[in-house]
Amino acid sequence: MIPSQVMRVRPSRVTVGTDGSYWGRAALGWAARHAHRAGLELDVYEADRRFEDLPADLPADIGTGSVLRPYPLLGARIRSSGADAASTLLAASAESGLLALGCRGQHKCHLGVGRHAMLLAGSAKCDVVVVRGRPQAVHGEFRKVTAWLAEDGSDEVVVARAKEFAKLSRSVLEVARRRPAASVPDGTDLIVVGGDAQLGLAARTALHHAMCPVYVVR
């Protein structure tokens, strides 16, 4: 029997934060494609120049308009993320079905995933996808979605989410179990993992090392 968590009705909105950086734009593109494909609405929270030191050559809308242009029928609302982007996105996640983030923004980080992305992956009120990895994976060219389970393989919620995305993207579904010293699955467009306030080993490993977007089930 599938747990009630799988059956709950999730809000019909996708929320994404972007700061005009490479990964911020990648997250926006990923979120727009998913919302368009799934028939959902999109809330875009842009970094605000009044509070963040953004490159001077970024356009006034930090490039949001050009990313959304291929989706003229997509219902999108564009807002400022304000002085504290992480807090703004955390609050917005309470009314979203999915929160999309780039693995890092304008500020570099040595671990390959930003502090805000890790914080929100473990604290958001909805599922979170952190966009990272090879361009082919970010754009869904492998046509594979992978559910990466704990060693006992018992997480039905993770499998259910992976099935949803595989169906929407017309992709193959692969179910893999995390084993000691095993590498992160590769050659896939999305890795779906379980997550809680602390995040599990699989989630943390995938967020730091995956070569594709990582979907954390909250």
C-alpha atoms as a PDB file:
ATOM      1  CA  MET A   1       0.000   0.000   0.000  1.00  0.00           C
ATOM      2  CA  ILE A   2       1.314   3.449  -0.931  1.00  0.00           C
ATOM      3  CA  PRO A   3       1.682   5.782   2.085  1.00  0.00           C
ATOM      4  CA  SER A   4      -0.689   8.710   2.447  1.00  0.00           C
ATOM      5  CA  GLN A   5       2.256  11.063   1.781  1.00  0.00           C
ATOM      6  CA  VAL A   6       2.209   9.931  -1.844  1.00  0.00           C
ATOM      7  CA  MET A   7      -1.538  10.449  -2.129  1.00  0.00           C
ATOM      8  CA  ARG A   8      -1.677  13.957  -0.668  1.00  0.00           C
ATOM      9  CA  VAL A   9      -2.751  16.724  -3.005  1.00  0.00           C
ATOM     10  CA  ARG A  10       0.207  18.968  -3.757  1.00  0.00           C
ATOM     11  CA  PRO A  11      -0.193  22.632  -4.738  1.00  0.00           C
ATOM     12  CA  SER A  12      -0.285  23.221  -8.489  1.00  0.00           C
ATOM     13  CA  ARG A  13       2.622  25.668  -8.480  1.00  0.00           C
ATOM     14  CA  VAL A  14       6.339  25.360  -9.122  1.00  0.00           C
ATOM     15  CA  THR A  15       8.569  27.923  -7.407  1.00  0.00           C
ATOM     16  CA  VAL A  16      12.064  28.777  -8.627  1.00  0.00           C
ATOM     17  CA  GLY A  17      14.764  31.132  -7.396  1.00  0.00           C
ATOM     18  CA  THR A  18      17.203  32.696  -9.850  1.00  0.00           C
ATOM     19  CA  ASP A  19      20.018  35.232  -9.628  1.00  0.00           C
ATOM     20  CA  GLY A  20      20.976  35.359 -13.301  1.00  0.00           C
ATOM     21  CA  SER A  21      24.001  33.106 -12.811  1.00  0.00           C
ATOM     22  CA  TYR A  22      24.618  30.075 -15.031  1.00  0.00           C
ATOM     23  CA  TRP A  23      22.975  27.707 -12.546  1.00  0.00           C
ATOM     24  CA  GLY A  24      20.259  30.187 -11.658  1.00  0.00           C
ATOM     25  CA  ARG A  25      19.222  30.352 -15.310  1.00  0.00           C
ATOM     26  CA  ALA A  26      19.508  26.559 -15.619  1.00  0.00           C
ATOM     27  CA  ALA A  27      17.137  26.146 -12.661  1.00  0.00           C
ATOM     28  CA  LEU A  28      14.706  28.638 -14.205  1.00  0.00           C
ATOM     29  CA  GLY A  29      14.770  26.791 -17.526  1.00  0.00           C
ATOM     30  CA  TRP A  30      14.293  23.424 -15.833  1.00  0.00           C
ATOM     31  CA  ALA A  31      11.380  24.727 -13.757  1.00  0.00           C
ATOM     32  CA  ALA A  32       9.712  26.391 -16.750  1.00  0.00           C
ATOM     33  CA  ARG A  33       9.948  23.221 -18.860  1.00  0.00           C
ATOM     34  CA  HIS A  34       8.550  21.108 -16.047  1.00  0.00           C
ATOM     35  CA  ALA A  35       5.698  23.501 -15.251  1.00  0.00           C
ATOM     36  CA  HIS A  36       4.780  23.770 -18.939  1.00  0.00           C
ATOM     37  CA  ARG A  37       4.873  19.999 -19.429  1.00  0.00           C
ATOM     38  CA  ALA A  38       2.866  19.286 -16.257  1.00  0.00           C
ATOM     39  CA  GLY A  39       0.305  22.064 -16.765  1.00  0.00           C
ATOM     40  CA  LEU A  40       1.367  23.893 -13.586  1.00  0.00           C
ATOM     41  CA  GLU A  41       1.857  27.574 -12.821  1.00  0.00           C
ATOM     42  CA  LEU A  42       5.280  29.060 -12.119  1.00  0.00           C
ATOM     43  CA  ASP A  43       6.422  31.520  -9.459  1.00  0.00           C
ATOM     44  CA  VAL A  44       9.818  33.081 -10.233  1.00  0.00           C
ATOM     45  CA  TYR A  45      11.750  34.833  -7.463  1.00  0.00           C
ATOM     46  CA  GLU A  46      14.504  37.013  -8.891  1.00  0.00           C
ATOM     47  CA  ALA A  47      17.532  38.280  -6.994  1.00  0.00           C
ATOM     48  CA  ASP A  48      17.139  41.985  -6.198  1.00  0.00           C
ATOM     49  CA  ARG A  49      19.958  44.379  -7.111  1.00  0.00           C
ATOM     50  CA  ARG A  50      19.123  46.498  -4.058  1.00  0.00           C
ATOM     51  CA  PHE A  51      20.273  43.692  -1.792  1.00  0.00           C
ATOM     52  CA  GLU A  52      22.702  41.617  -3.861  1.00  0.00           C
ATOM     53  CA  ASP A  53      25.908  42.491  -5.692  1.00  0.00           C
ATOM     54  CA  LEU A  54      24.983  41.254  -9.174  1.00  0.00           C
ATOM     55  CA  PRO A  55      27.203  41.630 -12.261  1.00  0.00           C
ATOM     56  CA  ALA A  56      26.608  44.927 -14.035  1.00  0.00           C
ATOM     57  CA  ASP A  57      26.174  43.242 -17.426  1.00  0.00           C
ATOM     58  CA  LEU A  58      23.083  41.288 -16.338  1.00  0.00           C
ATOM     59  CA  PRO A  59      19.868  42.611 -17.954  1.00  0.00           C
ATOM     60  CA  ALA A  60      17.342  44.392 -15.752  1.00  0.00           C
ATOM     61  CA  ASP A  61      15.244  41.226 -15.404  1.00  0.00           C
ATOM     62  CA  ILE A  62      18.455  39.139 -14.921  1.00  0.00           C
ATOM     63  CA  GLY A  63      17.548  37.194 -18.059  1.00  0.00           C
ATOM     64  CA  THR A  64      14.209  35.799 -16.896  1.00  0.00           C
ATOM     65  CA  GLY A  65      12.309  37.064 -19.941  1.00  0.00           C
ATOM     66  CA  SER A  66      14.503  35.278 -22.468  1.00  0.00           C
ATOM     67  CA  VAL A  67      14.248  31.969 -20.590  1.00  0.00           C
ATOM     68  CA  LEU A  68      10.444  32.127 -20.366  1.00  0.00           C
ATOM     69  CA  ARG A  69       9.894  33.305 -23.966  1.00  0.00           C
ATOM     70  CA  PRO A  70       9.497  29.760 -25.421  1.00  0.00           C
ATOM     71  CA  TYR A  71       6.510  29.191 -23.085  1.00  0.00           C
ATOM     72  CA  PRO A  72       3.996  31.961 -23.946  1.00  0.00           C
ATOM     73  CA  LEU A  73       1.052  30.051 -22.451  1.00  0.00           C
ATOM     74  CA  LEU A  74       2.781  29.333 -19.152  1.00  0.00           C
ATOM     75  CA  GLY A  75       1.185  31.120 -16.211  1.00  0.00           C
ATOM     76  CA  ALA A  76       4.165  32.801 -14.554  1.00  0.00           C
ATOM     77  CA  ARG A  77       4.439  35.351 -11.760  1.00  0.00           C
ATOM     78  CA  ILE A  78       7.736  37.190 -11.311  1.00  0.00           C
ATOM     79  CA  ARG A  79       8.657  38.567  -7.920  1.00  0.00           C
ATOM     80  CA  SER A  80      11.651  39.915  -6.019  1.00  0.00           C
ATOM     81  CA  SER A  81      13.350  37.576  -3.576  1.00  0.00           C
ATOM     82  CA  GLY A  82      14.016  40.550  -1.308  1.00  0.00           C
ATOM     83  CA  ALA A  83      16.820  41.039   1.170  1.00  0.00           C
ATOM     84  CA  ASP A  84      16.869  37.409   2.350  1.00  0.00           C
ATOM     85  CA  ALA A  85      16.357  35.109  -0.629  1.00  0.00           C
ATOM     86  CA  ALA A  86      16.561  31.887   1.396  1.00  0.00           C
ATOM     87  CA  SER A  87      13.845  33.006   3.819  1.00  0.00           C
ATOM     88  CA  THR A  88      11.653  34.212   0.950  1.00  0.00           C
ATOM     89  CA  LEU A  89      11.935  30.891  -0.870  1.00  0.00           C
ATOM     90  CA  LEU A  90      11.356  28.928   2.331  1.00  0.00           C
ATOM     91  CA  ALA A  91       8.110  30.829   2.927  1.00  0.00           C
ATOM     92  CA  ALA A  92       7.045  30.360  -0.706  1.00  0.00           C
ATOM     93  CA  SER A  93       7.654  26.602  -0.468  1.00  0.00           C
ATOM     94  CA  ALA A  94       4.689  26.301   1.908  1.00  0.00           C
ATOM     95  CA  GLU A  95       2.370  27.076  -1.023  1.00  0.00           C
ATOM     96  CA  SER A  96       4.293  25.175  -3.720  1.00  0.00           C
ATOM     97  CA  GLY A  97       4.401  21.618  -4.948  1.00  0.00           C
ATOM     98  CA  LEU A  98       8.058  21.890  -5.965  1.00  0.00           C
ATOM     99  CA  LEU A  99      10.926  24.316  -5.338  1.00  0.00           C
ATOM    100  CA  ALA A 100      13.695  24.507  -7.973  1.00  0.00           C
ATOM    101  CA  LEU A 101      17.161  25.928  -7.256  1.00  0.00           C
ATOM    102  CA  GLY A 102      20.513  26.112  -8.965  1.00  0.00           C
ATOM    103  CA  CYS A 103      23.278  24.216  -7.204  1.00  0.00           C
ATOM    104  CA  ARG A 104      25.048  27.543  -6.674  1.00  0.00           C
ATOM    105  CA  GLY A 105      24.655  31.155  -7.679  1.00  0.00           C
ATOM    106  CA  GLN A 106      26.874  34.155  -8.336  1.00  0.00           C
ATOM    107  CA  HIS A 107      28.985  33.355  -5.274  1.00  0.00           C
ATOM    108  CA  LYS A 108      31.420  30.474  -5.714  1.00  0.00           C
ATOM    109  CA  CYS A 109      31.630  27.566  -3.275  1.00  0.00           C
ATOM    110  CA  HIS A 110      34.326  24.911  -3.051  1.00  0.00           C
ATOM    111  CA  LEU A 111      31.980  21.976  -2.439  1.00  0.00           C
ATOM    112  CA  GLY A 112      30.078  22.410  -5.694  1.00  0.00           C
ATOM    113  CA  VAL A 113      26.732  23.117  -4.031  1.00  0.00           C
ATOM    114  CA  GLY A 114      25.790  26.373  -2.358  1.00  0.00           C
ATOM    115  CA  ARG A 115      24.844  26.949   1.255  1.00  0.00           C
ATOM    116  CA  HIS A 116      21.336  28.143   0.361  1.00  0.00           C
ATOM    117  CA  ALA A 117      20.684  25.094  -1.827  1.00  0.00           C
ATOM    118  CA  MET A 118      21.696  22.715   0.963  1.00  0.00           C
ATOM    119  CA  LEU A 119      19.704  24.664   3.547  1.00  0.00           C
ATOM    120  CA  LEU A 120      16.516  24.677   1.477  1.00  0.00           C
ATOM    121  CA  ALA A 121      16.902  21.036   0.414  1.00  0.00           C
ATOM    122  CA  GLY A 122      16.692  20.138   4.095  1.00  0.00           C
ATOM    123  CA  SER A 123      14.097  22.650   5.285  1.00  0.00           C
ATOM    124  CA  ALA A 124      11.632  23.445   2.475  1.00  0.00           C
ATOM    125  CA  LYS A 125       7.961  22.656   2.994  1.00  0.00           C
ATOM    126  CA  CYS A 126       7.697  20.948  -0.391  1.00  0.00           C
ATOM    127  CA  ASP A 127       9.816  18.739  -2.634  1.00  0.00           C
ATOM    128  CA  VAL A 128      13.030  20.362  -3.886  1.00  0.00           C
ATOM    129  CA  VAL A 129      15.017  19.910  -7.091  1.00  0.00           C
ATOM    130  CA  VAL A 130      18.600  21.172  -7.161  1.00  0.00           C
ATOM    131  CA  VAL A 131      19.722  21.680 -10.750  1.00  0.00           C
ATOM    132  CA  ARG A 132      23.306  20.652 -11.477  1.00  0.00           C
ATOM    133  CA  GLY A 133      25.279  18.321 -13.726  1.00  0.00           C
ATOM    134  CA  ARG A 134      25.915  17.877 -17.431  1.00  0.00           C
ATOM    135  CA  PRO A 135      23.953  19.979 -19.943  1.00  0.00           C
ATOM    136  CA  GLN A 136      22.515  16.787 -21.490  1.00  0.00           C
ATOM    137  CA  ALA A 137      21.024  15.816 -18.133  1.00  0.00           C
ATOM    138  CA  VAL A 138      19.758  19.312 -17.319  1.00  0.00           C
ATOM    139  CA  HIS A 139      17.923  19.356 -20.662  1.00  0.00           C
ATOM    140  CA  GLY A 140      16.573  15.816 -20.295  1.00  0.00           C
ATOM    141  CA  GLU A 141      18.446  14.247 -23.186  1.00  0.00           C
ATOM    142  CA  PHE A 142      19.208  10.871 -21.551  1.00  0.00           C
ATOM    143  CA  ARG A 143      15.499  10.066 -21.247  1.00  0.00           C
ATOM    144  CA  LYS A 144      16.014   8.278 -17.942  1.00  0.00           C
ATOM    145  CA  VAL A 145      14.810   9.016 -14.399  1.00  0.00           C
ATOM    146  CA  THR A 146      16.463   7.192 -11.484  1.00  0.00           C
ATOM    147  CA  ALA A 147      14.971   6.484  -8.059  1.00  0.00           C
ATOM    148  CA  TRP A 148      17.983   6.059  -5.736  1.00  0.00           C
ATOM    149  CA  LEU A 149      16.791   4.153  -2.688  1.00  0.00           C
ATOM    150  CA  ALA A 150      18.182   3.241   0.680  1.00  0.00           C
ATOM    151  CA  GLU A 151      19.845  -0.166   0.752  1.00  0.00           C
ATOM    152  CA  ASP A 152      16.615  -1.916   1.777  1.00  0.00           C
ATOM    153  CA  GLY A 153      14.832  -0.342  -1.217  1.00  0.00           C
ATOM    154  CA  SER A 154      11.648   0.319   0.761  1.00  0.00           C
ATOM    155  CA  ASP A 155      10.938   4.013   0.008  1.00  0.00           C
ATOM    156  CA  GLU A 156       7.704   3.902  -2.005  1.00  0.00           C
ATOM    157  CA  VAL A 157       7.348   7.704  -1.976  1.00  0.00           C
ATOM    158  CA  VAL A 158      10.646   8.114  -3.839  1.00  0.00           C
ATOM    159  CA  VAL A 159       9.598   5.527  -6.421  1.00  0.00           C
ATOM    160  CA  ALA A 160       6.208   7.207  -6.858  1.00  0.00           C
ATOM    161  CA  ARG A 161       7.793  10.611  -7.528  1.00  0.00           C
ATOM    162  CA  ALA A 162      10.275   9.095  -9.974  1.00  0.00           C
ATOM    163  CA  LYS A 163       7.410   7.392 -11.830  1.00  0.00           C
ATOM    164  CA  GLU A 164       5.587  10.707 -12.140  1.00  0.00           C
ATOM    165  CA  PHE A 165       8.587  12.389 -13.747  1.00  0.00           C
ATOM    166  CA  ALA A 166       9.358   9.446 -16.002  1.00  0.00           C
ATOM    167  CA  LYS A 167       5.785   9.506 -17.295  1.00  0.00           C
ATOM    168  CA  LEU A 168       5.751  13.281 -17.830  1.00  0.00           C
ATOM    169  CA  SER A 169       9.075  13.272 -19.659  1.00  0.00           C
ATOM    170  CA  ARG A 170       8.440   9.996 -21.512  1.00  0.00           C
ATOM    171  CA  SER A 171      11.550   8.563 -19.971  1.00  0.00           C
ATOM    172  CA  VAL A 172      12.684   5.165 -18.757  1.00  0.00           C
ATOM    173  CA  LEU A 173      12.419   4.603 -15.002  1.00  0.00           C
ATOM    174  CA  GLU A 174      15.341   2.955 -13.223  1.00  0.00           C
ATOM    175  CA  VAL A 175      15.239   1.929  -9.574  1.00  0.00           C
ATOM    176  CA  ALA A 176      18.674   1.628  -7.956  1.00  0.00           C
ATOM    177  CA  ARG A 177      19.693   0.842  -4.388  1.00  0.00           C
ATOM    178  CA  ARG A 178      22.439   2.723  -2.627  1.00  0.00           C
ATOM    179  CA  ARG A 179      25.127   0.311  -1.464  1.00  0.00           C
ATOM    180  CA  PRO A 180      28.318   0.988   0.536  1.00  0.00           C
ATOM    181  CA  ALA A 181      30.998   2.661  -1.588  1.00  0.00           C
ATOM    182  CA  ALA A 182      28.660   2.716  -4.592  1.00  0.00           C
ATOM    183  CA  SER A 183      29.000   5.714  -6.919  1.00  0.00           C
ATOM    184  CA  VAL A 184      26.135   8.081  -7.695  1.00  0.00           C
ATOM    185  CA  PRO A 185      24.052   6.854 -10.678  1.00  0.00           C
ATOM    186  CA  ASP A 186      25.160   8.414 -13.962  1.00  0.00           C
ATOM    187  CA  GLY A 187      23.700   8.712 -17.464  1.00  0.00           C
ATOM    188  CA  THR A 188      20.338   9.865 -16.110  1.00  0.00           C
ATOM    189  CA  ASP A 189      18.368  13.128 -16.297  1.00  0.00           C
ATOM    190  CA  LEU A 190      17.156  13.112 -12.701  1.00  0.00           C
ATOM    191  CA  ILE A 191      18.015  11.339  -9.459  1.00  0.00           C
ATOM    192  CA  VAL A 192      15.141  11.132  -6.963  1.00  0.00           C
ATOM    193  CA  VAL A 193      16.101  10.622  -3.310  1.00  0.00           C
ATOM    194  CA  GLY A 194      14.396  10.770   0.064  1.00  0.00           C
ATOM    195  CA  GLY A 195      15.052  13.688   2.384  1.00  0.00           C
ATOM    196  CA  ASP A 196      14.194  15.002   5.836  1.00  0.00           C
ATOM    197  CA  ALA A 197      15.419  17.841   8.054  1.00  0.00           C
ATOM    198  CA  GLN A 198      18.930  16.345   8.274  1.00  0.00           C
ATOM    199  CA  LEU A 199      18.992  14.854   4.760  1.00  0.00           C
ATOM    200  CA  GLY A 200      20.200  11.289   4.395  1.00  0.00           C
ATOM    201  CA  LEU A 201      23.527  10.039   3.102  1.00  0.00           C
ATOM    202  CA  ALA A 202      22.091   9.358  -0.358  1.00  0.00           C
ATOM    203  CA  ALA A 203      20.641  12.870  -0.611  1.00  0.00           C
ATOM    204  CA  ARG A 204      23.842  14.578   0.543  1.00  0.00           C
ATOM    205  CA  THR A 205      26.010  12.445  -1.727  1.00  0.00           C
ATOM    206  CA  ALA A 206      23.803  13.132  -4.731  1.00  0.00           C
ATOM    207  CA  LEU A 207      23.585  16.863  -4.030  1.00  0.00           C
ATOM    208  CA  HIS A 208      27.376  17.148  -3.913  1.00  0.00           C
ATOM    209  CA  HIS A 209      28.382  14.700  -6.659  1.00  0.00           C
ATOM    210  CA  ALA A 210      25.536  13.913  -9.094  1.00  0.00           C
ATOM    211  CA  MET A 211      26.011  14.791 -12.753  1.00  0.00           C
ATOM    212  CA  CYS A 212      22.323  15.612 -13.132  1.00  0.00           C
ATOM    213  CA  PRO A 213      19.532  17.457 -11.271  1.00  0.00           C
ATOM    214  CA  VAL A 214      18.672  15.960  -7.885  1.00  0.00           C
ATOM    215  CA  TYR A 215      15.064  15.737  -6.686  1.00  0.00           C
ATOM    216  CA  VAL A 216      14.700  15.572  -2.888  1.00  0.00           C
ATOM    217  CA  VAL A 217      11.345  14.218  -1.698  1.00  0.00           C
ATOM    218  CA  ARG A 218      10.240  16.138   1.414  1.00  0.00           C
END
